[in-house]
Amino acid sequence: MAITREKKAEMYQSYLDMLNNAQGMVITEYRGMNMKSLTATRNTLRGIKGGYAVTKNTIFKIALREKGFAAPDDLLVGPCYSARRKTNCSS
């Protein structure tokens, strides 16, 4: 099922908001991770005021470029998650 333009616009805005608030970010592939591992990763990141979410690669690339970040094509292929931290990484 195709994603509507409105939904794409919402996703794009949420990515921009995420990038505005992130103090650090890692892009990961989650292929092969089971739910137990995904939940553990999310819980760990929540504990340091972070998050872990699926990204739609094309929309995420556009948001990255809009914010002046590199959008490496070789990393944003297949099933990707973005892990981010909202507070200073040194704390």
Protein backbone atom coordinates (compact mmCIF):
# COMPACT_ATOMS: atom_id res chain seq x y z
CA MET A 1 0.00 0.00 0.00
CA ALA A 2 1.39 3.38 -1.03
CA ILE A 3 2.00 6.12 1.51
CA THR A 4 -0.10 9.26 0.97
CA ARG A 5 1.49 12.63 0.35
CA GLU A 6 0.12 13.84 3.67
CA LYS A 7 1.75 10.94 5.52
CA LYS A 8 5.05 11.58 3.71
CA ALA A 9 4.87 15.26 4.72
CA GLU A 10 4.24 14.23 8.36
CA MET A 11 7.20 11.83 8.27
CA TYR A 12 9.44 14.47 6.70
CA GLN A 13 8.50 16.99 9.41
CA SER A 14 9.08 14.42 12.17
CA TYR A 15 12.55 13.69 10.74
CA LEU A 16 13.35 17.43 10.66
CA ASP A 17 12.19 17.74 14.28
CA MET A 18 14.28 14.71 15.25
CA LEU A 19 17.37 16.15 13.55
CA ASN A 20 16.83 19.54 15.21
CA ASN A 21 16.74 17.92 18.65
CA ALA A 22 19.38 15.21 18.25
CA GLN A 23 22.81 15.66 19.84
CA GLY A 24 24.05 12.45 18.26
CA MET A 25 22.76 9.90 15.78
CA VAL A 26 23.64 6.48 14.41
CA ILE A 27 22.03 4.76 11.44
CA THR A 28 21.68 1.01 11.83
CA GLU A 29 20.35 -1.91 9.86
CA TYR A 30 17.99 -4.02 11.89
CA ARG A 31 17.64 -7.03 9.62
CA GLY A 32 17.99 -10.15 11.73
CA MET A 33 17.20 -8.48 15.07
CA ASN A 34 14.40 -10.10 16.99
CA MET A 35 11.75 -8.18 18.93
CA LYS A 36 13.49 -8.86 22.24
CA SER A 37 16.67 -7.18 20.96
CA LEU A 38 14.79 -4.24 19.43
CA THR A 39 12.88 -3.67 22.67
CA ALA A 40 16.07 -3.87 24.74
CA THR A 41 17.77 -1.35 22.45
CA ARG A 42 14.81 1.04 22.64
CA ASN A 43 14.67 0.76 26.44
CA THR A 44 18.41 1.44 26.78
CA LEU A 45 18.14 4.52 24.55
CA ARG A 46 15.10 5.80 26.45
CA GLY A 47 17.20 5.63 29.61
CA ILE A 48 19.62 8.17 28.15
CA LYS A 49 16.87 10.35 26.64
CA GLY A 50 17.26 8.80 23.22
CA GLY A 51 15.13 7.00 20.70
CA TYR A 52 15.26 4.26 18.09
CA ALA A 53 12.87 4.32 15.15
CA VAL A 54 12.41 2.94 11.64
CA THR A 55 13.16 5.46 8.92
CA LYS A 56 11.86 5.65 5.38
CA ASN A 57 15.17 5.99 3.57
CA THR A 58 14.23 8.36 0.74
CA ILE A 59 12.34 10.78 2.99
CA PHE A 60 15.07 10.58 5.64
CA LYS A 61 17.76 11.39 3.02
CA ILE A 62 15.83 14.49 1.98
CA ALA A 63 15.56 15.62 5.62
CA LEU A 64 19.27 14.96 6.24
CA ARG A 65 20.26 17.03 3.21
CA GLU A 66 17.85 19.81 4.21
CA LYS A 67 19.61 20.05 7.57
CA GLY A 68 23.10 19.99 6.01
CA PHE A 69 24.01 16.44 7.04
CA ALA A 70 25.63 13.87 4.79
CA ALA A 71 23.09 11.40 3.41
CA PRO A 72 25.23 8.39 2.50
CA ASP A 73 23.43 6.27 -0.08
CA ASP A 74 25.34 3.15 0.92
CA LEU A 75 24.06 3.36 4.52
CA LEU A 76 20.45 4.19 3.76
CA VAL A 77 19.47 1.01 1.95
CA GLY A 78 17.23 -1.76 3.16
CA PRO A 79 15.63 -1.79 6.60
CA CYS A 80 17.14 1.07 8.62
CA TYR A 81 16.63 2.47 12.08
CA SER A 82 17.98 5.74 13.39
CA ALA A 83 19.23 5.84 16.96
CA ARG A 84 19.53 9.29 18.46
CA ARG A 85 20.21 11.04 21.70
CA LYS A 86 18.44 14.24 22.68
CA THR A 87 20.90 15.39 25.34
CA ASN A 88 24.59 16.16 25.24
CA CYS A 89 26.51 12.95 24.56
CA SER A 90 29.18 13.79 27.14
CA SER A 91 26.70 13.57 30.04
